[in-house]
Structure formats: structure tokens, C-alpha cells
């Protein structure tokens, strides 16, 4: 048996989670009042005889902050995930600080703090909360590297669903769940290892591992048509001190995107939903107008220089217009700085650009490499046909390995459920430029659909923040 996988330590023993939360609540309480403590003992700001009374008020506010965080689910199981959770902390801390503003303004309990110092308090504490989260994520990564988890997990069933789940968990694992291997009774038909995960043994050996407290969670990944076997295994595992979860069949993974909704008390897989609902389209449009307007103002001198360089370098118009697929598969005109010789331009992108492409001008080579040729698309955003962030729009005749995108990827059109963007989730993950293989277009569409499913203003800002380094480091654009 693969004992090296079983000797890994578990953080889930001896009430680690409960102690961890207590310590974290204390840290949050102190962080909420740390800037105020600094101001309290800053020379000349607060009279010495009043410090003790104000210190009591600060302790009271620290406790209120922790209570507010508890009510807003800051201390849910998600605190152990790999997510940044900055948005959650922003709303939780802002809500808690509203209590302070009431105490400050309505009750007059902090008479010696000016509005400037109150703002300093709010901003400083929020920055400290964010730094704490980043430090905590770094600690999590170290624990995972050392094999420390809250509970060790096995997958029961070396099936297609089990393998898919293993790949997903290995990519996204955190300290809540440490996957240590597979359990399967068909050892003669199962390889010794898959994706670095070993076959630990059969179901009898699994019982030994559970009783020795070496396994805390079992993910049953048997095919759902084997209902009788699943029932027998679950009935047996219910008699043991272990968490048992049923893994959806592969069809559910493909069609449901791991989302479950409640319909009259019955859990159902959500196969498709509107990507932007309620206020989301309005919020995203406001975001686009604000960001695009700022970008146009800041980049206007640069765009004038690029336009002049294009004019001096070769004959023809400065702006190149091309029809591309936009929202709901509608054709839109997309603006770019011209980077090819006019007489050799490819309006429908029948032929993708390659390294040392002789159709590209000298200036064009530079602006394509740095993506400066995309700057006129800011006007597409202002006009409403594009967004700052979204799936990149493709020309009508683009191909991957000689196959039209629509034929290469069956769900390709799903990316047109939102407006196309100047930059996107696929681009900052390295999928920009030439799509000379089917794998590249499949990966690009996969990232585009993930973006649509996870959209938020914060996600857009994160992608925009990552865009410049992604462009500078890319070697795939010609």
C-alpha cells in the first residue's frame, strides 16, 4: 500500500477549525480598532484623562465588528478556500463601520476624531484586512505543499466521473480537502496511479483507513446506474465516522457546470442561465462607460502618435474596420489601427497572421505585438457594441487548424451570450494570438465560458489589472 500518502498530517484533529476561528476573530477585532488605538495614543490628539473611556468604547466596537462579520458569513467554511474574498471583506467591514459612523455622528462618542481621521481609520483597517487575507493564503499554500489538510479524502470508484473530479480537485485543492488517492475493488483493471494519485486499495482496506482515522471523507464516484451498489456502499459507510458525498455523474458535470438550484425543495442541476441578470447589465454598462472614457482621455496623445506613425509608414487609412461576431451572434464593426499594407489586408481573416508575416507593416508589427492596435476599440465600447472585458470578438472566417471555429468547438456560440471585450479571461491566461491548433481554440472558449459564469465588477477589474503584464509577457502575437 502507498503508506507515504497516508502518513500526511491532518489539521482536522483536536478541534483545529474551532481554535482557528477563535484566533481569527480576535485578530479581526484587533484589526478593526488598530488604527484608532494608534490615534488614541498619538501625542496631543486625545486628552490623557479620556483615553481609558475611549479605550472601552473601542473594545466594544471591536466586539461589534466580529459580531457583524459573523452575521455576514465571513467565518463560513469559505474562509479556508483559495479565494481572495476582498469583496466579501469590503462589504462586511463597510457594514461594521457604518455602526461606528452612527456612534461617531449620532451619539457623539468619538468627539476628538475629525472626519479625516475617521476616513484614515476605515481605509487603514481595510488594507490590514486584505493583507491578512494574502498572508493567510500564503500560509494555506505552505500547508498544502507539506500535505496538511483539514480532512484527507479518497475517491471511491476509478470511473470517468472519478478521474474528472480528481483532475479538478488537484487543480483547485485547498486545505479543506486533501485528495490522497483512489479506492476501487477492481484493482486488476485500475492503474497503480493516476495524475500522481495512487490506488490505495479496495473497500475493505478503506474501512481500515477510516477506523485508523487516516481518511475523513469519501467521495463516491460510481456510475448512477449502479444504484444497488451505491446504496450498499453508502449504508455501510454510514456506520463509520466519515463524511460521505455522492459525486454527480459525468453528464451532470458536462451540462450543469457544477451549479445546483432549489426548485420547490428539490435540488436540481442548472444547465443554463442568463449570464447577466437583474442590475448586472446596467452595472456593467456603467463600468464600461467610466473605464472607456478614462482610457480614451489618458491614451489620446498615444493614439495620435500611432496614427501619425501609420500614415508616415505606409499608404492607406489609419483605422481598419472588420466585421466580427458580437453579442447574440450579431455582426459588428470592430475598429483597429491598421497594421497591414492596404492592398494586402484580409477583411475576413481567411488567413491568420504568423511569425514574419509579409503583410504586416513595420509599425504594424510593433503595435500588434504590444496590442496598441486594439486601442480604437475603446470607441466600440463607448458606442455599446463591445465591453472593456469579455470574450474576444473573432472575425467571420477565422479558423483553427483549418477548421472554422463554429465547427471546431460545438459550444462556440455560447461565448456570444455577452458582449465581446477588448481583453478577457482567456487572454490573460495566455490564450491570445494565433489559434493554429484545435486545443488552443478549445481552451480559449473554455476560459471565455468560465468568465461568463463568474462575472462580477471585481472580476473585470482583476482581469484589467492583469492585462498589461499579460500583453508584455506574451510571445504568441505576431
Protein backbone atom coordinates (compact mmCIF):
# COMPACT_ATOMS: atom_id res chain seq x y z
CA UNK A 1 0.00 0.00 0.00
CA UNK A 2 1.06 3.60 -0.57
CA UNK A 3 1.89 4.48 3.03
CA UNK A 4 3.64 7.76 2.18
CA UNK A 5 0.25 9.21 1.19
CA UNK A 6 -1.35 8.02 4.40
CA UNK A 7 1.30 9.46 6.73
CA UNK A 8 0.31 13.01 5.88
CA UNK A 9 -0.91 15.01 8.87
CA UNK A 10 -4.46 16.26 9.24
CA UNK A 11 -5.37 19.69 10.61
CA UNK A 12 -8.88 18.48 11.32
CA UNK A 13 -7.99 16.77 14.57
CA UNK A 14 -8.29 18.20 18.09
CA UNK A 15 -10.75 20.94 17.09
CA UNK A 16 -8.28 22.81 14.90
CA UNK A 17 -11.03 24.58 12.96
CA UNK A 18 -12.72 25.90 16.11
CA UNK A 19 -9.43 27.17 17.59
CA UNK A 20 -8.51 28.68 14.23
CA UNK A 21 -11.76 30.66 14.07
CA UNK A 22 -11.38 31.94 17.64
CA UNK A 23 -7.88 33.23 16.88
CA UNK A 24 -9.02 34.76 13.61
CA UNK A 25 -11.93 36.54 15.29
CA UNK A 26 -9.53 38.02 17.83
CA UNK A 27 -7.27 39.22 15.02
CA UNK A 28 -10.24 40.76 13.18
CA UNK A 29 -11.41 42.51 16.32
CA UNK A 30 -7.95 43.98 16.91
CA UNK A 31 -7.59 44.96 13.25
CA UNK A 32 -10.90 46.82 13.37
CA UNK A 33 -9.62 49.10 16.14
CA UNK A 34 -5.82 49.09 15.49
CA UNK A 35 -5.71 52.45 13.62
CA UNK A 36 -7.92 54.03 16.31
CA UNK A 37 -5.56 52.75 19.02
CA UNK A 38 -2.72 54.44 17.18
CA UNK A 39 -4.70 57.69 17.09
CA UNK A 40 -5.76 57.30 20.71
CA UNK A 41 -2.16 57.31 21.92
CA UNK A 42 -0.89 59.77 19.32
CA UNK A 43 0.61 62.70 21.29
CA UNK A 44 -1.74 65.67 21.68
CA UNK A 45 -4.74 64.21 19.83
CA UNK A 46 -6.81 62.84 22.76
CA UNK A 47 -6.58 64.15 26.35
CA UNK A 48 -4.86 61.62 28.63
CA UNK A 49 -7.73 61.55 31.17
CA UNK A 50 -10.22 60.48 28.46
CA UNK A 51 -8.14 57.67 26.94
CA UNK A 52 -9.43 54.98 29.30
CA UNK A 53 -13.09 55.73 28.46
CA UNK A 54 -12.38 55.79 24.74
CA UNK A 55 -10.39 52.55 25.03
CA UNK A 56 -13.51 50.88 26.44
CA UNK A 57 -15.57 52.18 23.51
CA UNK A 58 -13.00 50.81 21.06
CA UNK A 59 -13.11 47.36 22.66
CA UNK A 60 -16.91 47.49 22.41
CA UNK A 61 -16.64 48.41 18.70
CA UNK A 62 -14.16 45.57 18.09
CA UNK A 63 -16.67 43.09 19.54
CA UNK A 64 -19.47 44.59 17.43
CA UNK A 65 -17.29 44.18 14.31
CA UNK A 66 -16.73 40.48 14.99
CA UNK A 67 -20.48 40.00 15.58
CA UNK A 68 -21.24 41.78 12.30
CA UNK A 69 -18.67 39.64 10.45
CA UNK A 70 -20.26 36.52 11.95
CA UNK A 71 -23.72 37.61 10.78
CA UNK A 72 -22.43 38.30 7.25
CA UNK A 73 -20.82 34.83 6.92
CA UNK A 74 -17.21 35.99 6.96
CA UNK A 75 -16.39 32.94 9.12
CA UNK A 76 -18.08 30.40 6.89
CA UNK A 77 -16.22 27.39 5.54
CA UNK A 78 -15.16 29.59 2.61
CA UNK A 79 -12.58 31.27 4.85
CA UNK A 80 -10.44 28.17 4.23
CA UNK A 81 -10.73 28.41 0.44
CA UNK A 82 -8.20 29.82 -2.04
CA UNK A 83 -10.41 32.80 -2.87
CA UNK A 84 -9.24 36.33 -2.15
CA UNK A 85 -12.63 37.31 -0.66
CA UNK A 86 -11.78 41.02 -0.89
CA UNK A 87 -15.34 41.85 -1.98
CA UNK A 88 -16.80 39.97 0.99
CA UNK A 89 -14.44 41.79 3.37
CA UNK A 90 -15.19 45.16 1.77
CA UNK A 91 -18.94 44.85 2.34
CA UNK A 92 -18.55 43.31 5.81
CA UNK A 93 -16.11 45.98 7.01
CA UNK A 94 -18.17 48.78 5.43
CA UNK A 95 -21.29 47.49 7.18
CA UNK A 96 -19.47 47.31 10.51
CA UNK A 97 -18.02 50.77 10.03
CA UNK A 98 -21.50 52.18 9.47
CA UNK A 99 -22.08 51.34 13.15
CA UNK A 100 -19.03 53.41 14.01
CA UNK A 101 -20.32 56.32 11.93
CA UNK A 102 -23.58 56.15 13.88
CA UNK A 103 -21.63 56.16 17.15
CA UNK A 104 -19.44 58.98 15.83
CA UNK A 105 -22.17 61.16 14.37
CA UNK A 106 -25.36 60.28 16.20
CA UNK A 107 -24.09 59.51 19.69
CA UNK A 108 -21.00 61.72 19.65
CA UNK A 109 -18.84 59.05 21.29
CA UNK A 110 -15.64 59.94 19.44
CA UNK A 111 -15.54 63.74 19.71
CA UNK A 112 -11.78 64.08 19.23
CA UNK A 113 -11.60 62.33 15.86
CA UNK A 114 -12.07 64.55 12.81
CA UNK A 115 -13.62 63.22 9.62
CA UNK A 116 -10.14 62.94 8.13
CA UNK A 117 -9.03 60.63 10.93
CA UNK A 118 -12.22 58.57 10.66
CA UNK A 119 -11.54 58.05 6.95
CA UNK A 120 -7.94 57.11 7.79
CA UNK A 121 -9.29 54.54 10.28
CA UNK A 122 -11.62 52.98 7.70
CA UNK A 123 -9.03 52.75 4.90
CA UNK A 124 -6.20 51.53 7.15
CA UNK A 125 -8.25 48.73 8.68
CA UNK A 126 -9.49 47.58 5.26
CA UNK A 127 -5.91 47.45 3.94
CA UNK A 128 -4.90 45.43 7.01
CA UNK A 129 -7.78 43.01 6.45
CA UNK A 130 -6.64 42.49 2.84
CA UNK A 131 -3.00 41.97 3.87
CA UNK A 132 -4.10 39.43 6.46
CA UNK A 133 -6.02 37.52 3.79
CA UNK A 134 -2.99 37.46 1.49
CA UNK A 135 -0.80 36.24 4.35
CA UNK A 136 -3.35 33.58 5.24
CA UNK A 137 -3.46 32.34 1.63
CA UNK A 138 0.34 32.09 1.66
CA UNK A 139 0.17 30.02 4.86
CA UNK A 140 -2.50 27.80 3.27
CA UNK A 141 -0.25 27.16 0.26
CA UNK A 142 2.61 26.14 2.55
CA UNK A 143 0.36 23.78 4.49
CA UNK A 144 -0.95 22.18 1.28
CA UNK A 145 2.63 21.79 -0.02
CA UNK A 146 3.51 19.96 3.19
CA UNK A 147 0.44 17.75 2.88
CA UNK A 148 -1.54 19.34 5.73
CA UNK A 149 -5.33 19.31 5.28
CA UNK A 150 -8.45 19.61 7.41
CA UNK A 151 -9.52 16.19 6.19
CA UNK A 152 -7.97 13.58 3.96
CA UNK A 153 -10.19 12.50 1.12
CA UNK A 154 -10.40 9.46 -1.16
CA UNK A 155 -12.40 8.91 -4.34
CA UNK A 156 -14.30 5.62 -4.32
CA UNK A 157 -14.51 4.43 -7.93
CA UNK A 158 -11.92 4.81 -10.67
CA UNK A 159 -14.61 5.92 -13.15
CA UNK A 160 -14.78 8.70 -15.71
CA UNK A 161 -16.52 10.89 -13.14
CA UNK A 162 -13.87 9.97 -10.56
CA UNK A 163 -11.00 10.87 -12.88
CA UNK A 164 -12.66 14.14 -13.89
CA UNK A 165 -13.19 15.01 -10.23
CA UNK A 166 -9.58 14.11 -9.35
CA UNK A 167 -8.22 16.44 -12.04
CA UNK A 168 -10.48 19.25 -10.84
CA UNK A 169 -9.56 18.83 -7.16
CA UNK A 170 -5.85 18.64 -7.92
CA UNK A 171 -6.10 21.97 -9.78
CA UNK A 172 -8.27 23.68 -7.16
CA UNK A 173 -7.43 21.92 -3.89
CA UNK A 174 -7.24 23.86 -0.64
CA UNK A 175 -6.68 22.85 2.97
CA UNK A 176 -10.31 21.79 3.39
CA UNK A 177 -9.84 18.69 1.28
CA UNK A 178 -6.62 16.77 0.70
CA UNK A 179 -7.08 14.16 -2.00
CA UNK A 180 -4.81 11.20 -1.22
CA UNK A 181 -5.90 8.55 -3.73
CA UNK A 182 -8.49 6.18 -5.19
CA UNK A 183 -10.36 3.22 -3.74
CA UNK A 184 -11.62 0.56 -6.15
CA UNK A 185 -12.39 -3.15 -5.89
CA UNK A 186 -11.25 -3.79 -9.47
CA UNK A 187 -7.52 -3.49 -8.78
CA UNK A 188 -6.61 -5.66 -11.75
CA UNK A 189 -8.20 -3.13 -14.16
CA UNK A 190 -7.04 0.06 -12.46
CA UNK A 191 -3.54 1.59 -12.88
CA UNK A 192 -1.34 1.99 -9.81
CA UNK A 193 -1.53 5.78 -10.12
CA UNK A 194 -3.45 8.45 -11.99
CA UNK A 195 -2.35 12.08 -12.13
CA UNK A 196 0.11 11.32 -9.28
CA UNK A 197 -2.73 9.86 -7.17
CA UNK A 198 -2.26 6.20 -6.18
CA UNK A 199 -4.73 3.35 -5.99
CA UNK A 200 -4.80 2.82 -2.21
CA UNK A 201 -6.77 -0.42 -2.14
CA UNK A 202 -10.28 -1.88 -2.08
CA UNK A 203 -13.33 -1.08 0.05
CA UNK A 204 -12.22 -3.42 2.85
CA UNK A 205 -8.96 -1.51 3.13
CA UNK A 206 -10.94 1.76 3.08
CA UNK A 207 -12.74 0.65 6.25
CA UNK A 208 -9.37 0.10 7.93
CA UNK A 209 -8.21 3.58 6.91
CA UNK A 210 -11.39 5.15 8.31
CA UNK A 211 -11.13 3.29 11.62
CA UNK A 212 -7.46 4.32 11.90
CA UNK A 213 -8.60 7.95 11.29
CA UNK A 214 -6.44 8.22 8.18
CA UNK A 215 -9.42 9.15 5.97
CA UNK A 216 -12.10 11.69 6.88
CA UNK A 217 -14.09 11.99 3.68
CA UNK A 218 -15.18 9.60 0.91
CA UNK A 219 -16.35 10.83 -2.50
CA UNK A 220 -18.42 8.08 -4.12
CA UNK A 221 -17.88 8.36 -7.89
CA UNK A 222 -19.67 5.23 -9.09
CA UNK A 223 -21.95 5.48 -12.15
CA UNK A 224 -25.50 6.34 -11.15
CA UNK A 225 -26.99 3.36 -12.96
CA UNK A 226 -25.23 1.18 -10.33
CA UNK A 227 -27.89 2.23 -7.83
CA UNK A 228 -27.84 -1.03 -5.87
CA UNK A 229 -24.07 -0.95 -5.33
CA UNK A 230 -24.12 2.74 -4.37
CA UNK A 231 -26.87 2.05 -1.83
CA UNK A 232 -24.95 -0.85 -0.27
CA UNK A 233 -21.72 1.17 -0.02
CA UNK A 234 -23.44 4.24 1.43
CA UNK A 235 -25.33 2.12 4.00
CA UNK A 236 -22.05 0.56 5.10
CA UNK A 237 -20.11 3.86 5.24
CA UNK A 238 -22.88 5.48 7.31
CA UNK A 239 -21.87 3.18 10.14
CA UNK A 240 -18.35 4.64 10.17
CA UNK A 241 -17.09 8.07 11.39
CA UNK A 242 -16.60 9.57 7.93
CA UNK A 243 -18.20 12.15 5.61
CA UNK A 244 -19.74 10.53 2.52
CA UNK A 245 -20.57 12.56 -0.59
CA UNK A 246 -22.09 11.33 -3.85
CA UNK A 247 -20.34 12.63 -6.98
CA UNK A 248 -22.67 13.61 -9.87
CA UNK A 249 -22.40 11.50 -13.00
CA UNK A 250 -20.21 12.81 -15.82
CA UNK A 251 -23.24 14.02 -17.77
CA UNK A 252 -24.13 16.32 -14.88
CA UNK A 253 -20.60 17.72 -14.87
CA UNK A 254 -20.72 18.46 -18.59
CA UNK A 255 -24.15 20.05 -18.68
CA UNK A 256 -24.61 21.62 -15.24
CA UNK A 257 -21.34 23.47 -14.70
CA UNK A 258 -21.46 22.38 -11.02
CA UNK A 259 -24.39 24.68 -10.12
CA UNK A 260 -27.34 23.39 -8.12
CA UNK A 261 -30.61 25.26 -7.57
CA UNK A 262 -33.56 24.51 -5.34
CA UNK A 263 -36.91 24.01 -7.09
CA UNK A 264 -39.75 23.55 -4.59
CA UNK A 265 -37.36 21.86 -2.19
CA UNK A 266 -35.83 19.57 -4.81
CA UNK A 267 -32.12 20.16 -5.71
CA UNK A 268 -31.61 20.33 -9.48
CA UNK A 269 -28.61 20.94 -11.71
CA UNK A 270 -28.74 24.28 -13.52
CA UNK A 271 -27.77 23.55 -17.13
CA UNK A 272 -28.05 27.14 -18.40
CA UNK A 273 -29.00 30.58 -17.13
CA UNK A 274 -28.78 34.18 -18.27
CA UNK A 275 -25.16 35.29 -17.77
CA UNK A 276 -26.09 38.84 -16.67
CA UNK A 277 -29.31 39.24 -14.72
CA UNK A 278 -31.13 41.97 -12.80
CA UNK A 279 -28.97 45.06 -12.38
CA UNK A 280 -25.87 43.36 -13.81
CA UNK A 281 -26.21 44.63 -17.43
CA UNK A 282 -26.73 48.20 -16.18
CA UNK A 283 -23.77 47.97 -13.77
CA UNK A 284 -21.50 46.53 -16.46
CA UNK A 285 -22.54 49.26 -18.92
CA UNK A 286 -21.75 51.96 -16.35
CA UNK A 287 -18.41 50.28 -15.69
CA UNK A 288 -17.66 50.28 -19.44
CA UNK A 289 -18.58 53.94 -19.91
CA UNK A 290 -16.47 55.11 -16.97
CA UNK A 291 -13.40 52.98 -17.75
CA UNK A 292 -13.51 53.56 -21.53
CA UNK A 293 -13.89 57.33 -21.09
CA UNK A 294 -10.90 57.46 -18.73
CA UNK A 295 -8.87 55.25 -21.08
CA UNK A 296 -9.66 57.46 -24.10
CA UNK A 297 -8.61 60.61 -22.21
CA UNK A 298 -5.37 59.04 -20.98
CA UNK A 299 -4.43 57.38 -24.27
CA UNK A 300 -5.45 60.18 -26.66
CA UNK A 301 -1.85 61.53 -27.12
CA UNK A 302 -0.57 57.98 -27.70
CA UNK A 303 -3.31 57.26 -30.26
CA UNK A 304 -2.42 60.45 -32.15
CA UNK A 305 1.26 59.40 -32.27
CA UNK A 306 0.32 55.91 -33.51
CA UNK A 307 -1.95 57.40 -36.18
CA UNK A 308 0.88 59.68 -37.37
CA UNK A 309 3.36 56.77 -37.43
CA UNK A 310 0.96 54.64 -39.51
CA UNK A 311 0.47 57.48 -42.00
CA UNK A 312 4.23 58.02 -42.38
CA UNK A 313 5.00 54.30 -42.64
CA UNK A 314 2.61 53.20 -45.41
CA UNK A 315 -0.20 54.42 -47.64
CA UNK A 316 -3.80 53.91 -46.64
CA UNK A 317 -6.29 54.75 -43.85
CA UNK A 318 -5.23 54.84 -40.21
CA UNK A 319 -8.24 52.85 -38.96
CA UNK A 320 -9.05 49.34 -40.17
CA UNK A 321 -12.65 48.14 -39.81
CA UNK A 322 -13.54 44.47 -39.69
CA UNK A 323 -16.82 42.61 -39.25
CA UNK A 324 -16.78 40.32 -36.25
CA UNK A 325 -19.30 38.37 -34.21
CA UNK A 326 -20.72 40.28 -31.26
CA UNK A 327 -23.49 39.82 -28.72
CA UNK A 328 -26.10 37.22 -29.72
CA UNK A 329 -24.06 36.30 -32.83
CA UNK A 330 -24.77 39.69 -34.42
CA UNK A 331 -22.16 41.13 -36.76
CA UNK A 332 -20.49 44.33 -35.54
CA UNK A 333 -17.84 46.62 -36.99
CA UNK A 334 -14.69 46.44 -34.86
CA UNK A 335 -12.14 49.28 -35.08
CA UNK A 336 -8.38 48.74 -35.04
CA UNK A 337 -5.31 50.68 -36.05
CA UNK A 338 -4.27 49.41 -39.48
CA UNK A 339 -1.27 47.09 -39.14
CA UNK A 340 -1.17 45.60 -42.67
CA UNK A 341 -0.50 47.03 -46.10
CA UNK A 342 -3.82 48.24 -47.50
CA UNK A 343 -3.66 46.22 -50.71
CA UNK A 344 -2.92 43.02 -48.75
CA UNK A 345 -5.45 43.43 -45.93
CA UNK A 346 -7.57 40.38 -45.10
CA UNK A 347 -11.03 41.72 -44.28
CA UNK A 348 -12.49 38.35 -43.19
CA UNK A 349 -9.33 36.88 -41.60
CA UNK A 350 -9.24 33.99 -44.05
CA UNK A 351 -5.55 33.62 -43.25
CA UNK A 352 -4.29 34.09 -39.70
CA UNK A 353 -1.17 36.12 -39.11
CA UNK A 354 2.02 34.18 -38.49
CA UNK A 355 5.57 34.95 -37.42
CA UNK A 356 7.34 37.17 -40.00
CA UNK A 357 4.07 37.68 -41.91
CA UNK A 358 4.95 39.78 -45.00
CA UNK A 359 1.54 41.52 -44.97
CA UNK A 360 2.34 43.42 -41.76
CA UNK A 361 3.97 46.86 -41.87
CA UNK A 362 6.90 47.93 -39.69
CA UNK A 363 4.70 50.00 -37.41
CA UNK A 364 2.05 47.30 -37.56
CA UNK A 365 4.45 44.68 -36.19
CA UNK A 366 5.10 46.82 -33.11
CA UNK A 367 1.50 47.81 -32.38
CA UNK A 368 0.29 44.22 -32.84
CA UNK A 369 2.97 42.87 -30.51
CA UNK A 370 2.03 45.40 -27.81
CA UNK A 371 -1.73 45.23 -28.60
CA UNK A 372 -1.76 49.00 -29.18
CA UNK A 373 -3.65 48.31 -32.41
CA UNK A 374 -6.66 47.48 -30.21
CA UNK A 375 -6.93 51.00 -28.70
CA UNK A 376 -9.62 52.24 -31.18
CA UNK A 377 -11.88 49.54 -29.74
CA UNK A 378 -12.39 51.91 -26.82
CA UNK A 379 -14.78 53.71 -29.17
CA UNK A 380 -16.58 50.40 -29.77
CA UNK A 381 -17.07 50.26 -26.01
CA UNK A 382 -18.42 53.81 -25.85
CA UNK A 383 -20.79 53.07 -28.74
CA UNK A 384 -22.07 49.97 -26.94
CA UNK A 385 -21.06 47.17 -29.33
CA UNK A 386 -18.21 45.96 -27.09
CA UNK A 387 -17.24 45.84 -23.43
CA UNK A 388 -13.93 46.51 -21.70
CA UNK A 389 -13.79 42.87 -20.58
CA UNK A 390 -15.36 39.87 -22.28
CA UNK A 391 -14.66 37.13 -24.83
CA UNK A 392 -12.52 38.49 -27.68
CA UNK A 393 -14.53 39.02 -30.91
CA UNK A 394 -13.43 36.83 -33.79
CA UNK A 395 -13.65 37.61 -37.50
CA UNK A 396 -16.21 35.77 -39.59
CA UNK A 397 -13.79 33.41 -41.36
CA UNK A 398 -11.22 32.62 -38.67
CA UNK A 399 -10.15 29.01 -38.38
CA UNK A 400 -8.27 26.70 -36.03
CA UNK A 401 -6.07 24.18 -37.82
CA UNK A 402 -8.05 24.92 -40.99
CA UNK A 403 -11.45 24.31 -39.34
CA UNK A 404 -13.95 27.17 -38.72
CA UNK A 405 -14.30 27.93 -35.02
CA UNK A 406 -18.01 27.04 -35.04
CA UNK A 407 -17.17 23.54 -36.29
CA UNK A 408 -14.06 23.11 -34.15
CA UNK A 409 -15.95 23.76 -30.87
CA UNK A 410 -19.58 22.64 -30.67
CA UNK A 411 -20.50 25.19 -27.94
CA UNK A 412 -18.50 28.03 -29.53
CA UNK A 413 -21.56 30.30 -29.89
CA UNK A 414 -22.13 30.20 -26.11
CA UNK A 415 -19.43 32.85 -25.76
CA UNK A 416 -21.68 35.29 -27.65
CA UNK A 417 -24.19 35.45 -24.78
CA UNK A 418 -22.39 38.59 -23.59
CA UNK A 419 -20.75 41.48 -25.42
CA UNK A 420 -17.22 40.83 -26.68
CA UNK A 421 -14.39 42.58 -24.86
CA UNK A 422 -11.09 44.34 -25.55
CA UNK A 423 -9.44 41.94 -23.12
CA UNK A 424 -10.65 38.76 -21.46
CA UNK A 425 -10.05 35.89 -19.07
CA UNK A 426 -8.62 33.72 -21.86
CA UNK A 427 -6.15 36.40 -22.95
CA UNK A 428 -4.57 36.93 -19.52
CA UNK A 429 -4.22 33.16 -19.17
CA UNK A 430 -2.03 33.00 -22.27
CA UNK A 431 -4.60 32.28 -24.99
CA UNK A 432 -4.21 35.21 -27.36
CA UNK A 433 -2.82 35.45 -30.85
CA UNK A 434 -2.73 32.64 -33.39
CA UNK A 435 -5.08 29.65 -32.97
CA UNK A 436 -3.20 27.12 -35.07
CA UNK A 437 -4.43 24.07 -33.13
CA UNK A 438 -7.83 22.81 -32.01
CA UNK A 439 -6.61 22.68 -28.42
CA UNK A 440 -5.94 26.44 -28.41
CA UNK A 441 -9.45 27.38 -29.52
CA UNK A 442 -10.98 24.83 -27.12
CA UNK A 443 -9.02 26.32 -24.22
CA UNK A 444 -9.93 29.85 -25.27
CA UNK A 445 -13.63 29.03 -25.36
CA UNK A 446 -13.33 27.19 -22.01
CA UNK A 447 -11.88 30.30 -20.34
CA UNK A 448 -14.48 32.55 -22.04
CA UNK A 449 -17.35 30.45 -20.67
CA UNK A 450 -15.76 30.41 -17.22
CA UNK A 451 -15.63 34.22 -17.31
CA UNK A 452 -19.31 34.44 -18.28
CA UNK A 453 -20.26 32.14 -15.38
CA UNK A 454 -18.19 34.07 -12.81
CA UNK A 455 -18.73 37.65 -13.97
CA UNK A 456 -18.53 40.44 -11.42
CA UNK A 457 -17.19 44.01 -11.41
CA UNK A 458 -14.33 42.81 -9.21
CA UNK A 459 -13.51 40.04 -11.68
CA UNK A 460 -13.45 42.60 -14.52
CA UNK A 461 -11.09 44.89 -12.59
CA UNK A 462 -8.82 41.94 -11.77
CA UNK A 463 -8.63 40.99 -15.48
CA UNK A 464 -7.89 44.61 -16.48
CA UNK A 465 -5.17 44.77 -13.81
CA UNK A 466 -3.59 41.58 -15.21
CA UNK A 467 -3.88 42.62 -18.88
CA UNK A 468 -0.77 44.82 -19.22
CA UNK A 469 1.71 42.26 -17.78
CA UNK A 470 -0.01 39.52 -19.81
CA UNK A 471 0.47 41.55 -23.01
CA UNK A 472 4.11 42.34 -22.26
CA UNK A 473 4.96 38.72 -21.46
CA UNK A 474 3.10 37.16 -24.39
CA UNK A 475 5.11 35.61 -27.22
CA UNK A 476 2.15 34.31 -29.21
CA UNK A 477 1.12 37.51 -31.02
CA UNK A 478 2.63 38.38 -34.41
